[in-house]
Structure formats: structure tokens, C-alpha cells
Amino acid sequence: MKRRCTPEADLQRAVVRALRQILPRTAIVHHCVNEVSEPGPRGAKRQAILVGMGVHAGFADLMILCDGRVLFLELKSPKGQLRPTQEAFRDAVRTQGFGWALVRSLDDALTALADHGFSSRIAAPARRVAP
């Protein structure tokens, strides 16, 4: 069986693995399932049920809770674009003072952590002092 190409899912798995290794053990990394991929009337019915239960359109793929900080990560392939509902979600959480970042690589995720003040279990690299 041929494996499907899923760049965003592959990226998300890599990011989650890395976050679980570097964030403090008390950190919560949560994947937010916010859409149904099943086509047709059955998928539409299931999506309507989820919306009725509180699924929010455009909600970020990952939410990180750690040491009183909240960061939302929206993962996209290198050419992936934000949908209007994702842009609205980004704007709403930023307005409320929460962190949000667009992530296209593991480096983007690590940069977002640093930019939003998250500490990690990885020691900072030693700086070379010029003689």
C-alpha cells in the first residue's frame, strides 16, 4: 500500500515529538481536532455536531499551555495558505493577548517558543568569547 503524502501531518508529528522532549514536563501540548474529513452528508452531519459541541472554526492545530503561557500553532506546508477562518482566529487570540504562530518547519516552532517566552529543558548553547 502506497503511503499518502501528508506534509502537514508529518510536520505536526515532528513538532509534537520535539515539544514533548524540550518543554518542561508540566507543559500541555494539545492537538485541536476541528474538522471532519469525511465527505458527503455524513461528514457534514458530523461536523455540525462538533460545531454544536463547541468546535471553533479556524482553531489552531496545536495549543501549548506552560507556566501560565498559552501559544497557538497553526501548521502549514511550505505553500499552504491560511483560510479566512484561520486568519480570524489568529486575529482574535492575538487581540486577547495570546501567542499565535504560523509554523512551516520545526525551526519555526522552536523560534515561536522562544519568541513567546517559553522555557525549555535544552540548555542554551555556549557562546564563544573572542580572545
C-alpha atoms as a PDB file:
ATOM      1  CA  MET A   1       0.000   0.000   0.000  1.00  0.00           C
ATOM      2  CA  LYS A   2       1.383   3.363  -1.019  1.00  0.00           C
ATOM      3  CA  ARG A   3       1.729   5.915   1.776  1.00  0.00           C
ATOM      4  CA  ARG A   4      -0.190   9.147   1.237  1.00  0.00           C
ATOM      5  CA  CYS A   5       1.800  12.354   1.136  1.00  0.00           C
ATOM      6  CA  THR A   6       0.726  14.338   4.209  1.00  0.00           C
ATOM      7  CA  PRO A   7       3.240  17.159   4.716  1.00  0.00           C
ATOM      8  CA  GLU A   8       1.218  18.995   7.374  1.00  0.00           C
ATOM      9  CA  ALA A   9       0.519  15.827   9.366  1.00  0.00           C
ATOM     10  CA  ASP A  10       4.167  14.761   9.126  1.00  0.00           C
ATOM     11  CA  LEU A  11       5.264  18.217  10.301  1.00  0.00           C
ATOM     12  CA  GLN A  12       2.776  18.139  13.162  1.00  0.00           C
ATOM     13  CA  ARG A  13       4.042  14.775  14.393  1.00  0.00           C
ATOM     14  CA  ALA A  14       7.649  16.058  14.292  1.00  0.00           C
ATOM     15  CA  VAL A  15       6.722  19.257  16.143  1.00  0.00           C
ATOM     16  CA  VAL A  16       4.766  17.409  18.838  1.00  0.00           C
ATOM     17  CA  ARG A  17       7.642  14.953  19.369  1.00  0.00           C
ATOM     18  CA  ALA A  18      10.127  17.818  19.720  1.00  0.00           C
ATOM     19  CA  LEU A  19       7.881  19.846  22.039  1.00  0.00           C
ATOM     20  CA  ARG A  20       7.384  16.864  24.328  1.00  0.00           C
ATOM     21  CA  GLN A  21      11.154  16.481  24.574  1.00  0.00           C
ATOM     22  CA  ILE A  22      12.125  20.100  25.156  1.00  0.00           C
ATOM     23  CA  LEU A  23       9.260  21.680  27.108  1.00  0.00           C
ATOM     24  CA  PRO A  24       9.015  21.217  30.876  1.00  0.00           C
ATOM     25  CA  ARG A  25       7.238  18.006  31.851  1.00  0.00           C
ATOM     26  CA  THR A  26       4.308  20.031  33.165  1.00  0.00           C
ATOM     27  CA  ALA A  27       3.600  21.519  29.714  1.00  0.00           C
ATOM     28  CA  ILE A  28       0.448  20.530  27.871  1.00  0.00           C
ATOM     29  CA  VAL A  29       0.666  20.141  24.096  1.00  0.00           C
ATOM     30  CA  HIS A  30      -2.811  19.583  22.689  1.00  0.00           C
ATOM     31  CA  HIS A  31      -3.924  18.849  19.137  1.00  0.00           C
ATOM     32  CA  CYS A  32      -7.209  20.536  18.389  1.00  0.00           C
ATOM     33  CA  VAL A  33      -9.342  18.375  16.107  1.00  0.00           C
ATOM     34  CA  ASN A  34     -11.581  20.911  14.450  1.00  0.00           C
ATOM     35  CA  GLU A  35     -12.684  19.463  11.161  1.00  0.00           C
ATOM     36  CA  VAL A  36     -14.139  16.296   9.729  1.00  0.00           C
ATOM     37  CA  SER A  37     -12.505  14.946   6.598  1.00  0.00           C
ATOM     38  CA  GLU A  38     -15.353  12.600   5.711  1.00  0.00           C
ATOM     39  CA  PRO A  39     -17.105  13.762   2.532  1.00  0.00           C
ATOM     40  CA  GLY A  40     -20.818  13.876   1.889  1.00  0.00           C
ATOM     41  CA  PRO A  41     -23.877  14.224   4.093  1.00  0.00           C
ATOM     42  CA  ARG A  42     -22.488  12.008   6.846  1.00  0.00           C
ATOM     43  CA  GLY A  43     -19.374  14.201   7.176  1.00  0.00           C
ATOM     44  CA  ALA A  44     -21.485  17.375   7.120  1.00  0.00           C
ATOM     45  CA  LYS A  45     -23.718  15.982   9.871  1.00  0.00           C
ATOM     46  CA  ARG A  46     -20.719  15.033  11.989  1.00  0.00           C
ATOM     47  CA  GLN A  47     -19.166  18.489  11.501  1.00  0.00           C
ATOM     48  CA  ALA A  48     -22.452  20.142  12.539  1.00  0.00           C
ATOM     49  CA  ILE A  49     -22.494  18.016  15.702  1.00  0.00           C
ATOM     50  CA  LEU A  50     -18.929  19.057  16.523  1.00  0.00           C
ATOM     51  CA  VAL A  51     -19.732  22.751  15.973  1.00  0.00           C
ATOM     52  CA  GLY A  52     -22.714  22.367  18.308  1.00  0.00           C
ATOM     53  CA  MET A  53     -20.370  20.897  20.903  1.00  0.00           C
ATOM     54  CA  GLY A  54     -18.011  23.875  20.739  1.00  0.00           C
ATOM     55  CA  VAL A  55     -15.637  23.336  17.822  1.00  0.00           C
ATOM     56  CA  HIS A  56     -14.468  26.785  16.731  1.00  0.00           C
ATOM     57  CA  ALA A  57     -13.883  27.461  13.024  1.00  0.00           C
ATOM     58  CA  GLY A  58     -10.244  28.219  12.269  1.00  0.00           C
ATOM     59  CA  PHE A  59      -8.923  26.991  15.629  1.00  0.00           C
ATOM     60  CA  ALA A  60      -5.173  26.396  15.520  1.00  0.00           C
ATOM     61  CA  ASP A  61      -3.750  22.887  15.088  1.00  0.00           C
ATOM     62  CA  LEU A  62      -1.798  22.876  18.359  1.00  0.00           C
ATOM     63  CA  MET A  63      -2.243  24.648  21.664  1.00  0.00           C
ATOM     64  CA  ILE A  64       0.597  24.803  24.184  1.00  0.00           C
ATOM     65  CA  LEU A  65      -0.030  25.573  27.850  1.00  0.00           C
ATOM     66  CA  CYS A  66       3.050  26.017  30.007  1.00  0.00           C
ATOM     67  CA  ASP A  67       3.977  28.095  33.046  1.00  0.00           C
ATOM     68  CA  GLY A  68       0.984  30.423  32.653  1.00  0.00           C
ATOM     69  CA  ARG A  69       1.594  30.992  28.941  1.00  0.00           C
ATOM     70  CA  VAL A  70      -0.591  29.989  26.006  1.00  0.00           C
ATOM     71  CA  LEU A  71       0.650  29.612  22.445  1.00  0.00           C
ATOM     72  CA  PHE A  72      -1.355  28.527  19.422  1.00  0.00           C
ATOM     73  CA  LEU A  73       0.486  26.990  16.462  1.00  0.00           C
ATOM     74  CA  GLU A  74      -1.047  26.766  13.003  1.00  0.00           C
ATOM     75  CA  LEU A  75       0.925  24.258  10.936  1.00  0.00           C
ATOM     76  CA  LYS A  76       1.066  24.604   7.165  1.00  0.00           C
ATOM     77  CA  SER A  77       3.024  23.046   4.350  1.00  0.00           C
ATOM     78  CA  PRO A  78       5.569  25.334   2.665  1.00  0.00           C
ATOM     79  CA  LYS A  79       2.954  26.544   0.175  1.00  0.00           C
ATOM     80  CA  GLY A  80      -0.119  26.214   2.395  1.00  0.00           C
ATOM     81  CA  GLN A  81      -2.271  29.306   2.904  1.00  0.00           C
ATOM     82  CA  LEU A  82      -4.391  30.365   5.866  1.00  0.00           C
ATOM     83  CA  ARG A  83      -8.136  30.169   5.337  1.00  0.00           C
ATOM     84  CA  PRO A  84     -10.203  33.253   6.273  1.00  0.00           C
ATOM     85  CA  THR A  85     -11.482  31.476   9.406  1.00  0.00           C
ATOM     86  CA  GLN A  86      -7.876  30.786  10.460  1.00  0.00           C
ATOM     87  CA  GLU A  87      -6.949  34.435   9.928  1.00  0.00           C
ATOM     88  CA  ALA A  88      -9.958  35.497  12.034  1.00  0.00           C
ATOM     89  CA  PHE A  89      -8.936  33.075  14.809  1.00  0.00           C
ATOM     90  CA  ARG A  90      -5.343  34.386  14.702  1.00  0.00           C
ATOM     91  CA  ASP A  91      -6.547  37.966  14.994  1.00  0.00           C
ATOM     92  CA  ALA A  92      -8.963  37.131  17.836  1.00  0.00           C
ATOM     93  CA  VAL A  93      -6.400  35.348  20.012  1.00  0.00           C
ATOM     94  CA  ARG A  94      -3.740  37.990  19.408  1.00  0.00           C
ATOM     95  CA  THR A  95      -6.255  40.692  20.377  1.00  0.00           C
ATOM     96  CA  GLN A  96      -6.817  38.815  23.641  1.00  0.00           C
ATOM     97  CA  GLY A  97      -3.078  38.790  24.312  1.00  0.00           C
ATOM     98  CA  PHE A  98      -2.306  35.161  23.491  1.00  0.00           C
ATOM     99  CA  GLY A  99       0.541  33.983  21.304  1.00  0.00           C
ATOM    100  CA  TRP A 100      -0.077  32.616  17.823  1.00  0.00           C
ATOM    101  CA  ALA A 101       2.414  31.497  15.195  1.00  0.00           C
ATOM    102  CA  LEU A 102       2.383  30.108  11.677  1.00  0.00           C
ATOM    103  CA  VAL A 103       4.674  27.079  11.552  1.00  0.00           C
ATOM    104  CA  ARG A 104       6.082  25.628   8.326  1.00  0.00           C
ATOM    105  CA  SER A 105       9.070  23.807   9.849  1.00  0.00           C
ATOM    106  CA  LEU A 106      10.400  22.509  13.139  1.00  0.00           C
ATOM    107  CA  ASP A 107      12.687  25.564  13.289  1.00  0.00           C
ATOM    108  CA  ASP A 108       9.604  27.819  13.001  1.00  0.00           C
ATOM    109  CA  ALA A 109       8.052  26.051  16.008  1.00  0.00           C
ATOM    110  CA  LEU A 110      11.202  26.409  18.109  1.00  0.00           C
ATOM    111  CA  THR A 111      11.515  30.076  17.140  1.00  0.00           C
ATOM    112  CA  ALA A 112       7.872  30.655  18.111  1.00  0.00           C
ATOM    113  CA  LEU A 113       8.526  29.152  21.548  1.00  0.00           C
ATOM    114  CA  ALA A 114      11.494  31.441  22.114  1.00  0.00           C
ATOM    115  CA  ASP A 115       9.664  34.491  20.731  1.00  0.00           C
ATOM    116  CA  HIS A 116       6.788  33.924  23.159  1.00  0.00           C
ATOM    117  CA  GLY A 117       8.974  33.386  26.227  1.00  0.00           C
ATOM    118  CA  PHE A 118       8.630  29.631  26.676  1.00  0.00           C
ATOM    119  CA  SER A 119      11.410  27.933  28.603  1.00  0.00           C
ATOM    120  CA  SER A 120      12.767  24.560  27.591  1.00  0.00           C
ATOM    121  CA  ARG A 121      14.771  21.719  29.082  1.00  0.00           C
ATOM    122  CA  ILE A 122      17.516  22.245  26.496  1.00  0.00           C
ATOM    123  CA  ALA A 123      20.469  24.224  27.725  1.00  0.00           C
ATOM    124  CA  ALA A 124      21.322  27.299  25.704  1.00  0.00           C
ATOM    125  CA  PRO A 125      24.405  26.769  23.528  1.00  0.00           C
ATOM    126  CA  ALA A 126      27.630  28.117  24.998  1.00  0.00           C
ATOM    127  CA  ARG A 127      28.745  31.372  23.450  1.00  0.00           C
ATOM    128  CA  ARG A 128      32.276  31.688  22.211  1.00  0.00           C
ATOM    129  CA  VAL A 129      34.085  34.637  23.639  1.00  0.00           C
ATOM    130  CA  ALA A 130      36.612  36.204  21.299  1.00  0.00           C
ATOM    131  CA  PRO A 131      40.174  36.232  22.711  1.00  0.00           C
END
